Amino acid sequence: MTSHKADEQLSEDRRKEIFLALVDAQDHEMSVAQSRNLMAQRFGVNENQVRLIEREGMELQWPPLG
């Protein structure tokens, strides 16, 4: 269970979807700042939530990392 309060309303599947899209955007030469902004707009979340999802995905080695 995540300890991040800001993303508790998002299911784990939804957070994983956002994380995958974020990593994909960065793999295609988009800057970290640009990709966070794009994901916030695309998924209707704020950039802080994107950062928390990014951290969670990296810590837990979500696909495509693990």
C-alpha atoms as a PDB file:
ATOM      1  CA  MET A   1       0.000   0.000   0.000  1.00  0.00           C
ATOM      2  CA  THR A   2       1.311   3.416  -0.892  1.00  0.00           C
ATOM      3  CA  SER A   3       2.049   6.017   1.717  1.00  0.00           C
ATOM      4  CA  HIS A   4       1.477   8.890  -0.705  1.00  0.00           C
ATOM      5  CA  LYS A   5      -1.703  10.701   0.279  1.00  0.00           C
ATOM      6  CA  ALA A   6      -2.017  12.745  -2.931  1.00  0.00           C
ATOM      7  CA  ASP A   7      -2.446   9.715  -5.186  1.00  0.00           C
ATOM      8  CA  GLU A   8      -4.664   7.549  -2.967  1.00  0.00           C
ATOM      9  CA  GLN A   9      -7.731   8.357  -5.053  1.00  0.00           C
ATOM     10  CA  LEU A  10      -6.008   6.861  -8.115  1.00  0.00           C
ATOM     11  CA  SER A  11      -5.997   3.095  -8.422  1.00  0.00           C
ATOM     12  CA  GLU A  12      -2.669   1.331  -8.675  1.00  0.00           C
ATOM     13  CA  ASP A  13      -3.510   0.381 -12.269  1.00  0.00           C
ATOM     14  CA  ARG A  14      -4.118   4.044 -13.116  1.00  0.00           C
ATOM     15  CA  ARG A  15      -0.860   5.112 -11.439  1.00  0.00           C
ATOM     16  CA  LYS A  16       1.008   2.409 -13.363  1.00  0.00           C
ATOM     17  CA  GLU A  17      -0.573   3.654 -16.600  1.00  0.00           C
ATOM     18  CA  ILE A  18       0.597   7.204 -15.860  1.00  0.00           C
ATOM     19  CA  PHE A  19       4.073   5.962 -14.934  1.00  0.00           C
ATOM     20  CA  LEU A  20       4.402   3.952 -18.143  1.00  0.00           C
ATOM     21  CA  ALA A  21       3.328   6.934 -20.247  1.00  0.00           C
ATOM     22  CA  LEU A  22       5.761   9.171 -18.352  1.00  0.00           C
ATOM     23  CA  VAL A  23       8.716   6.845 -18.922  1.00  0.00           C
ATOM     24  CA  ASP A  24       7.757   6.431 -22.573  1.00  0.00           C
ATOM     25  CA  ALA A  25       7.645  10.212 -23.077  1.00  0.00           C
ATOM     26  CA  GLN A  26      11.068  10.598 -21.463  1.00  0.00           C
ATOM     27  CA  ASP A  27      12.459   7.752 -23.589  1.00  0.00           C
ATOM     28  CA  HIS A  28      11.353   9.678 -26.660  1.00  0.00           C
ATOM     29  CA  GLU A  29      13.555  12.663 -25.851  1.00  0.00           C
ATOM     30  CA  MET A  30      11.021  14.697 -23.923  1.00  0.00           C
ATOM     31  CA  SER A  31      12.495  16.472 -20.915  1.00  0.00           C
ATOM     32  CA  VAL A  32      11.451  15.430 -17.418  1.00  0.00           C
ATOM     33  CA  ALA A  33       9.652  18.747 -16.872  1.00  0.00           C
ATOM     34  CA  GLN A  34       7.843  18.532 -20.209  1.00  0.00           C
ATOM     35  CA  SER A  35       6.802  14.924 -19.640  1.00  0.00           C
ATOM     36  CA  ARG A  36       5.457  15.679 -16.156  1.00  0.00           C
ATOM     37  CA  ASN A  37       3.450  18.599 -17.509  1.00  0.00           C
ATOM     38  CA  LEU A  38       2.086  16.513 -20.385  1.00  0.00           C
ATOM     39  CA  MET A  39       1.057  13.636 -18.105  1.00  0.00           C
ATOM     40  CA  ALA A  40      -0.650  16.026 -15.700  1.00  0.00           C
ATOM     41  CA  GLN A  41      -2.693  17.442 -18.573  1.00  0.00           C
ATOM     42  CA  ARG A  42      -3.319  14.094 -20.253  1.00  0.00           C
ATOM     43  CA  PHE A  43      -4.486  12.278 -17.120  1.00  0.00           C
ATOM     44  CA  GLY A  44      -6.147  15.174 -15.293  1.00  0.00           C
ATOM     45  CA  VAL A  45      -3.827  15.151 -12.294  1.00  0.00           C
ATOM     46  CA  ASN A  46      -1.468  17.780 -10.936  1.00  0.00           C
ATOM     47  CA  GLU A  47       2.293  17.755 -11.393  1.00  0.00           C
ATOM     48  CA  ASN A  48       2.870  16.915  -7.728  1.00  0.00           C
ATOM     49  CA  GLN A  49       0.825  13.744  -8.186  1.00  0.00           C
ATOM     50  CA  VAL A  50       2.898  12.899 -11.258  1.00  0.00           C
ATOM     51  CA  ARG A  51       6.088  13.312  -9.221  1.00  0.00           C
ATOM     52  CA  LEU A  52       4.729  11.031  -6.490  1.00  0.00           C
ATOM     53  CA  ILE A  53       3.706   8.427  -9.069  1.00  0.00           C
ATOM     54  CA  GLU A  54       7.125   8.714 -10.694  1.00  0.00           C
ATOM     55  CA  ARG A  55       8.855   8.112  -7.351  1.00  0.00           C
ATOM     56  CA  GLU A  56       6.550   5.212  -6.476  1.00  0.00           C
ATOM     57  CA  GLY A  57       7.090   3.577  -9.857  1.00  0.00           C
ATOM     58  CA  MET A  58      10.848   3.875  -9.576  1.00  0.00           C
ATOM     59  CA  GLU A  59      10.905   2.528  -6.009  1.00  0.00           C
ATOM     60  CA  LEU A  60       8.693  -0.440  -6.897  1.00  0.00           C
ATOM     61  CA  GLN A  61      10.283  -1.020 -10.320  1.00  0.00           C
ATOM     62  CA  TRP A  62       6.998  -0.860 -12.209  1.00  0.00           C
ATOM     63  CA  PRO A  63       7.027  -1.710 -15.916  1.00  0.00           C
ATOM     64  CA  PRO A  64       8.808  -0.910 -18.057  1.00  0.00           C
ATOM     65  CA  LEU A  65      11.573  -0.834 -15.417  1.00  0.00           C
ATOM     66  CA  GLY A  66      11.096  -4.261 -13.910  1.00  0.00           C
END
